Amino acid sequence: MSGQRIDGIDPEAADGRVRAVREAQVARWGAPLRNQLVYARVPAIFRAVRGMWAGLAEAGLVDERLQALLNRRVAALNGCEF
């Protein structure tokens, strides 16, 4: 994973919840999201981040299409390709 300061876990070695999330991301975007692989290095952080996104989705306060635009904007501001 070039360009990253911290390598994520090997996506093929993921198990349990991490594997399920990885498979859903591959189905939706064609690859697992790199930041999720970094979060997965510490399972408690991975669960917390996934919980935050689940909470945002459940609250319904930010439309899913707007979430995608916001994610791209934040990625661009951080110099990340999205």
Protein backbone atom coordinates (compact mmCIF):
# COMPACT_ATOMS: atom_id res chain seq x y z
CA MET A 1 0.00 0.00 0.00
CA SER A 2 2.23 2.72 -1.24
CA GLY A 3 1.98 6.24 0.08
CA GLN A 4 0.59 5.26 3.45
CA ARG A 5 2.48 5.96 6.63
CA ILE A 6 0.86 3.02 8.41
CA ASP A 7 0.18 -0.23 6.62
CA GLY A 8 -3.19 -1.84 7.11
CA ILE A 9 -3.80 -5.49 7.71
CA ASP A 10 -3.57 -7.95 4.84
CA PRO A 11 -7.16 -7.91 3.52
CA GLU A 12 -6.96 -11.62 2.71
CA ALA A 13 -6.08 -12.38 6.35
CA ALA A 14 -9.12 -10.54 7.74
CA ASP A 15 -11.57 -12.54 9.81
CA GLY A 16 -14.98 -12.07 11.42
CA ARG A 17 -16.50 -8.61 11.20
CA VAL A 18 -13.47 -7.21 9.37
CA ARG A 19 -13.87 -9.84 6.64
CA ALA A 20 -17.60 -9.08 6.30
CA VAL A 21 -16.93 -5.34 5.97
CA ARG A 22 -14.08 -5.98 3.52
CA GLU A 23 -16.30 -8.19 1.35
CA ALA A 24 -19.08 -5.58 1.33
CA GLN A 25 -16.59 -2.87 0.32
CA VAL A 26 -15.19 -5.05 -2.47
CA ALA A 27 -18.73 -5.68 -3.73
CA ARG A 28 -19.58 -1.97 -3.63
CA TRP A 29 -16.32 -0.27 -4.62
CA GLY A 30 -14.17 -3.05 -6.10
CA ALA A 31 -11.62 -3.03 -3.25
CA PRO A 32 -11.50 -2.65 0.51
CA LEU A 33 -11.08 0.92 1.73
CA ARG A 34 -7.53 1.45 2.93
CA ASN A 35 -8.50 3.39 6.02
CA GLN A 36 -10.65 0.49 7.21
CA LEU A 37 -7.67 -1.85 6.87
CA VAL A 38 -5.63 0.51 9.06
CA TYR A 39 -8.42 0.72 11.65
CA ALA A 40 -8.59 -3.10 11.65
CA ARG A 41 -5.07 -3.22 13.14
CA VAL A 42 -6.79 -2.43 16.46
CA PRO A 43 -10.16 -4.22 16.65
CA ALA A 44 -11.59 -1.79 19.24
CA ILE A 45 -10.89 1.17 16.93
CA PHE A 46 -12.34 -0.70 13.95
CA ARG A 47 -15.56 -1.39 15.89
CA ALA A 48 -15.78 2.23 17.06
CA VAL A 49 -15.36 3.65 13.56
CA ARG A 50 -17.88 1.19 12.09
CA GLY A 51 -20.26 2.12 14.92
CA MET A 52 -19.92 5.80 14.11
CA TRP A 53 -20.82 5.21 10.46
CA ALA A 54 -23.71 2.94 11.43
CA GLY A 55 -24.98 5.63 13.81
CA LEU A 56 -24.81 8.29 11.13
CA ALA A 57 -26.71 6.05 8.73
CA GLU A 58 -29.33 5.16 11.34
CA ALA A 59 -29.86 8.81 12.32
CA GLY A 60 -30.59 9.68 8.70
CA LEU A 61 -29.39 13.25 9.20
CA VAL A 62 -26.99 13.21 6.25
CA ASP A 63 -28.21 11.80 2.94
CA GLU A 64 -26.08 8.89 1.68
CA ARG A 65 -25.21 10.75 -1.54
CA LEU A 66 -24.06 13.76 0.46
CA GLN A 67 -21.95 11.46 2.66
CA ALA A 68 -20.17 10.23 -0.46
CA LEU A 69 -19.47 13.81 -1.58
CA LEU A 70 -18.23 14.76 1.88
CA ASN A 71 -15.92 11.72 1.96
CA ARG A 72 -14.43 12.69 -1.40
CA ARG A 73 -13.94 16.29 -0.31
CA VAL A 74 -12.22 15.29 2.93
CA ALA A 75 -10.03 12.84 1.00
CA ALA A 76 -9.07 15.57 -1.46
CA LEU A 77 -8.25 17.99 1.36
CA ASN A 78 -5.99 15.32 2.86
CA GLY A 79 -4.27 14.67 -0.46
CA CYS A 80 -5.75 11.20 -0.74
CA GLU A 81 -6.95 9.62 -3.94
CA PHE A 82 -10.47 8.36 -3.48
